[in-house]
N, C-alpha and C. Protein backbone atom coordinates (compact mmCIF):
# COMPACT_ATOMS: atom_id res chain seq x y z
N MET A 1 1.04 -1.07 -0.21
CA MET A 1 -0.01 0.38 0.08
C MET A 1 0.76 1.17 -0.01
N GLY A 2 1.87 0.93 0.42
CA GLY A 2 3.08 2.38 0.91
C GLY A 2 3.78 2.57 -0.64
N GLY A 3 3.76 1.55 -1.66
CA GLY A 3 4.68 2.03 -2.73
C GLY A 3 3.47 2.26 -4.23
N ALA A 4 3.93 3.36 -4.57
CA ALA A 4 3.15 3.38 -5.77
C ALA A 4 3.45 2.54 -7.26
N SER A 5 2.48 2.11 -7.67
CA SER A 5 2.69 0.92 -8.86
C SER A 5 3.00 1.79 -10.36
N ILE A 6 3.30 0.97 -11.14
CA ILE A 6 2.58 2.32 -12.71
C ILE A 6 1.39 2.62 -12.84
N TRP A 7 0.43 2.01 -12.25
CA TRP A 7 -0.69 2.45 -12.86
C TRP A 7 -1.34 3.56 -11.73
N HIS A 8 -0.33 3.83 -10.75
CA HIS A 8 -0.68 4.60 -9.91
C HIS A 8 0.31 6.36 -10.79
N TRP A 9 0.98 6.01 -11.46
CA TRP A 9 1.57 7.14 -12.11
C TRP A 9 0.80 7.25 -13.22
N VAL A 10 0.17 6.13 -14.21
CA VAL A 10 -0.30 6.35 -15.35
C VAL A 10 -1.51 7.61 -15.28
N ILE A 11 -2.47 7.36 -13.90
CA ILE A 11 -3.02 7.74 -13.84
C ILE A 11 -2.77 9.61 -13.02
N VAL A 12 -2.29 9.22 -12.66
CA VAL A 12 -1.94 10.84 -12.24
C VAL A 12 -0.83 11.77 -14.01
N GLY A 13 -0.52 10.77 -14.70
CA GLY A 13 0.01 11.59 -15.88
C GLY A 13 -1.49 11.72 -16.84
N ILE A 14 -2.76 11.24 -16.52
CA ILE A 14 -3.53 11.10 -17.34
C ILE A 14 -4.02 12.39 -16.57
N ILE A 15 -4.42 12.65 -15.79
CA ILE A 15 -5.24 13.60 -14.96
C ILE A 15 -4.40 14.90 -15.11
N VAL A 16 -2.86 15.06 -15.16
CA VAL A 16 -2.12 16.29 -15.20
C VAL A 16 -2.18 16.75 -16.93
N MET A 17 -2.48 15.41 -18.00
CA MET A 17 -3.09 15.95 -19.06
C MET A 17 -4.26 16.57 -19.35
N LEU A 18 -5.15 15.91 -18.71
CA LEU A 18 -6.47 16.51 -18.67
C LEU A 18 -6.64 17.96 -18.17
N LEU A 19 -5.66 18.14 -16.74
CA LEU A 19 -5.63 19.43 -16.22
C LEU A 19 -5.15 20.59 -17.39
N PHE A 20 -4.20 20.17 -17.70
CA PHE A 20 -3.33 21.25 -18.27
C PHE A 20 -3.24 21.25 -19.83
N GLY A 21 -3.58 20.21 -20.54
CA GLY A 21 -3.40 20.17 -21.74
C GLY A 21 -2.29 20.07 -22.22
N ARG A 22 -1.96 19.52 -23.30
CA ARG A 22 -0.88 19.33 -24.18
C ARG A 22 -0.03 20.62 -24.38
N GLY A 23 -0.76 21.79 -24.67
CA GLY A 23 0.22 22.77 -25.08
C GLY A 23 0.79 23.43 -23.87
N LYS A 24 0.06 23.58 -22.95
CA LYS A 24 0.45 24.24 -21.47
C LYS A 24 1.95 23.36 -21.36
N ILE A 25 1.84 22.35 -21.25
CA ILE A 25 2.83 21.47 -20.82
C ILE A 25 3.99 21.61 -21.89
N SER A 26 3.75 21.43 -22.51
CA SER A 26 4.58 21.87 -23.86
C SER A 26 5.50 23.09 -23.60
N ASP A 27 4.72 24.42 -23.40
CA ASP A 27 5.35 25.65 -23.33
C ASP A 27 5.78 25.63 -22.35
N LEU A 28 5.44 24.93 -20.73
CA LEU A 28 6.31 25.04 -19.85
C LEU A 28 7.70 24.13 -19.79
N MET A 29 7.97 23.47 -20.42
CA MET A 29 8.83 22.73 -20.75
C MET A 29 10.04 23.61 -21.48
N GLY A 30 9.57 24.25 -22.34
CA GLY A 30 9.75 25.15 -23.75
C GLY A 30 10.60 26.38 -22.77
N ASP A 31 9.88 26.80 -21.76
CA ASP A 31 10.25 27.64 -20.63
C ASP A 31 11.35 27.23 -19.90
N VAL A 32 11.30 26.25 -19.33
CA VAL A 32 12.59 25.28 -18.62
C VAL A 32 13.86 25.38 -19.51
N ALA A 33 13.77 24.93 -20.60
CA ALA A 33 14.63 24.78 -21.36
C ALA A 33 15.54 26.08 -21.26
N LYS A 34 14.70 27.32 -21.93
CA LYS A 34 14.97 28.73 -22.01
C LYS A 34 15.91 29.06 -20.60
N GLY A 35 15.53 29.02 -19.60
CA GLY A 35 15.64 29.11 -18.57
C GLY A 35 17.15 28.10 -18.28
N ILE A 36 17.52 27.06 -18.38
CA ILE A 36 18.11 26.16 -18.56
C ILE A 36 19.47 27.37 -19.24
N LYS A 37 19.00 27.21 -20.51
CA LYS A 37 20.26 27.64 -21.58
C LYS A 37 20.62 29.08 -20.69
N SER A 38 19.68 29.69 -20.57
CA SER A 38 20.08 31.18 -19.70
C SER A 38 20.74 31.04 -18.39
N PHE A 39 20.80 30.43 -18.03
CA PHE A 39 22.02 30.00 -16.85
C PHE A 39 23.02 29.44 -17.23
N LYS A 40 23.25 28.73 -18.24
CA LYS A 40 24.33 28.63 -18.61
C LYS A 40 25.27 29.46 -19.14
N LYS A 41 24.65 30.21 -20.26
CA LYS A 41 25.07 31.53 -20.78
C LYS A 41 25.48 32.51 -19.48
N GLY A 42 25.03 32.75 -18.75
CA GLY A 42 25.58 33.38 -17.38
C GLY A 42 26.56 32.97 -17.00
N MET A 43 26.84 31.71 -16.69
CA MET A 43 27.81 31.08 -16.14
C MET A 43 28.95 31.27 -16.69
N GLN A 44 29.10 31.10 -18.21
CA GLN A 44 30.14 31.10 -18.74
C GLN A 44 30.59 32.72 -18.83
N ASP A 45 29.54 33.65 -18.80
CA ASP A 45 29.78 34.94 -19.12
C ASP A 45 30.80 35.37 -17.63
N ASP A 46 30.37 34.58 -16.52
CA ASP A 46 31.35 34.88 -15.56
C ASP A 46 32.60 34.20 -15.32
N ASP A 47 32.79 33.20 -16.09
CA ASP A 47 34.15 32.75 -16.15
C ASP A 47 34.89 33.63 -16.90
N GLU A 48 34.00 34.35 -18.02
CA GLU A 48 34.68 35.04 -19.11
C GLU A 48 35.35 36.43 -18.23
N VAL A 49 34.70 36.95 -17.58
CA VAL A 49 34.95 38.10 -16.73
C VAL A 49 35.79 38.01 -15.38
N ALA A 50 35.97 36.54 -15.03
CA ALA A 50 36.68 36.52 -13.87
C ALA A 50 38.29 35.93 -14.51
N ALA A 51 38.10 35.32 -15.82
CA ALA A 51 39.51 35.16 -16.00
C ALA A 51 40.44 36.41 -16.61
N ALA A 52 39.41 37.25 -17.23
CA ALA A 52 40.10 38.61 -17.74
C ALA A 52 41.03 39.42 -16.74
N PRO A 53 42.10 40.01 -17.27
CA PRO A 53 43.03 40.63 -16.31
C PRO A 53 42.13 42.28 -15.79
N PRO A 54 42.53 42.50 -14.80
CA PRO A 54 42.26 43.80 -14.19
C PRO A 54 42.40 45.02 -14.81
N ALA A 55 42.02 46.10 -15.13
CA ALA A 55 42.09 47.10 -16.30
C ALA A 55 43.28 48.13 -15.33
N GLY A 56 43.36 48.13 -14.21
CA GLY A 56 44.33 49.06 -13.47
C GLY A 56 46.16 48.32 -13.72
N GLY A 57 46.13 47.21 -14.19
CA GLY A 57 47.52 46.81 -14.47
C GLY A 57 47.96 45.95 -13.35
N ALA A 58 49.14 46.30 -13.15
CA ALA A 58 49.55 45.30 -12.00
C ALA A 58 49.42 45.67 -10.64
N ALA A 59 48.93 44.61 -9.84
CA ALA A 59 48.56 45.10 -8.35
C ALA A 59 49.93 45.91 -8.01
N ARG A 60 49.88 46.61 -6.65
CA ARG A 60 50.73 47.24 -5.69
C ARG A 60 50.25 47.20 -4.75
N PRO A 61 51.55 47.30 -4.02
CA PRO A 61 51.05 47.06 -2.73
C PRO A 61 50.54 48.42 -1.67
N LEU A 62 49.65 48.26 -0.85
CA LEU A 62 49.13 49.18 0.02
C LEU A 62 50.32 50.17 0.93
N ASP A 63 50.30 51.49 0.97
CA ASP A 63 50.74 52.04 1.92
C ASP A 63 50.27 51.87 3.47
N HIS A 64 50.37 51.52 4.43
CA HIS A 64 50.23 51.33 5.56
C HIS A 64 51.35 51.98 7.04
N GLN A 65 50.98 52.45 7.57
CA GLN A 65 51.77 52.92 8.97
C GLN A 65 51.32 51.88 10.17
N PRO A 66 52.30 51.34 10.94
CA PRO A 66 52.51 50.48 11.77
C PRO A 66 51.32 51.03 13.08
N VAL A 67 50.83 50.09 13.61
CA VAL A 67 49.86 50.32 14.63
C VAL A 67 50.35 50.38 15.99
N THR A 68 50.07 50.82 16.91
CA THR A 68 50.55 50.95 17.94
C THR A 68 49.48 50.50 19.13
N THR A 69 49.94 49.34 19.64
CA THR A 69 48.73 48.66 20.59
C THR A 69 48.74 49.19 22.48
N PRO A 70 47.95 48.70 23.21
CA PRO A 70 48.00 49.53 24.65
C PRO A 70 49.09 48.94 24.86
N SER A 71 49.68 48.02 24.80
CA SER A 71 50.95 47.56 25.63
C SER A 71 52.16 48.16 24.75
N GLN A 72 52.39 48.64 24.06
CA GLN A 72 53.45 49.49 23.39
C GLN A 72 53.01 50.73 23.93
N LEU A 73 52.06 51.61 24.28
CA LEU A 73 51.87 52.61 24.57
C LEU A 73 52.39 52.82 26.19
N LYS A 74 52.28 51.60 27.22
CA LYS A 74 52.61 51.63 28.35
C LYS A 74 54.02 51.51 28.53
N THR A 75 54.60 50.66 27.51
CA THR A 75 56.11 50.93 27.65
C THR A 75 56.65 52.02 27.25
N GLY A 76 56.19 52.94 26.34
CA GLY A 76 56.58 54.15 26.07
C GLY A 76 56.62 55.20 27.01
N ALA A 77 55.43 55.30 27.53
CA ALA A 77 55.36 56.08 28.94
C ALA A 77 56.25 55.91 30.00
N GLU A 78 56.56 54.76 30.34
CA GLU A 78 57.39 54.02 31.54
C GLU A 78 58.68 54.65 31.22
N GLN A 79 59.00 54.55 30.09
CA GLN A 79 60.52 54.88 29.73
C GLN A 79 60.79 55.89 29.54
N LYS A 80 59.77 57.01 29.41
CA LYS A 80 59.87 58.35 29.27
C LYS A 80 59.80 58.94 31.41
N VAL A 81 59.38 58.22 31.81
CA VAL A 81 59.64 59.00 33.16
C VAL A 81 60.50 58.54 34.20
């Protein structure tokens, strides 16, 4: 009773065909195919953008200043006194 036999699936298929008709199901499948093609094209576009070198030329290191921590401030104040 828990398993669905082939006859259950045939009846479900017939009911779906009667409710939606052949035209609507084929339109739906066509829309799904267009969506898959669009997704694949978008994935290829992302790969091309990622593979392209940056427009700014070679990367250069950032200029930075050393950060003083509270422990460094205490040792500096103790040395002055």
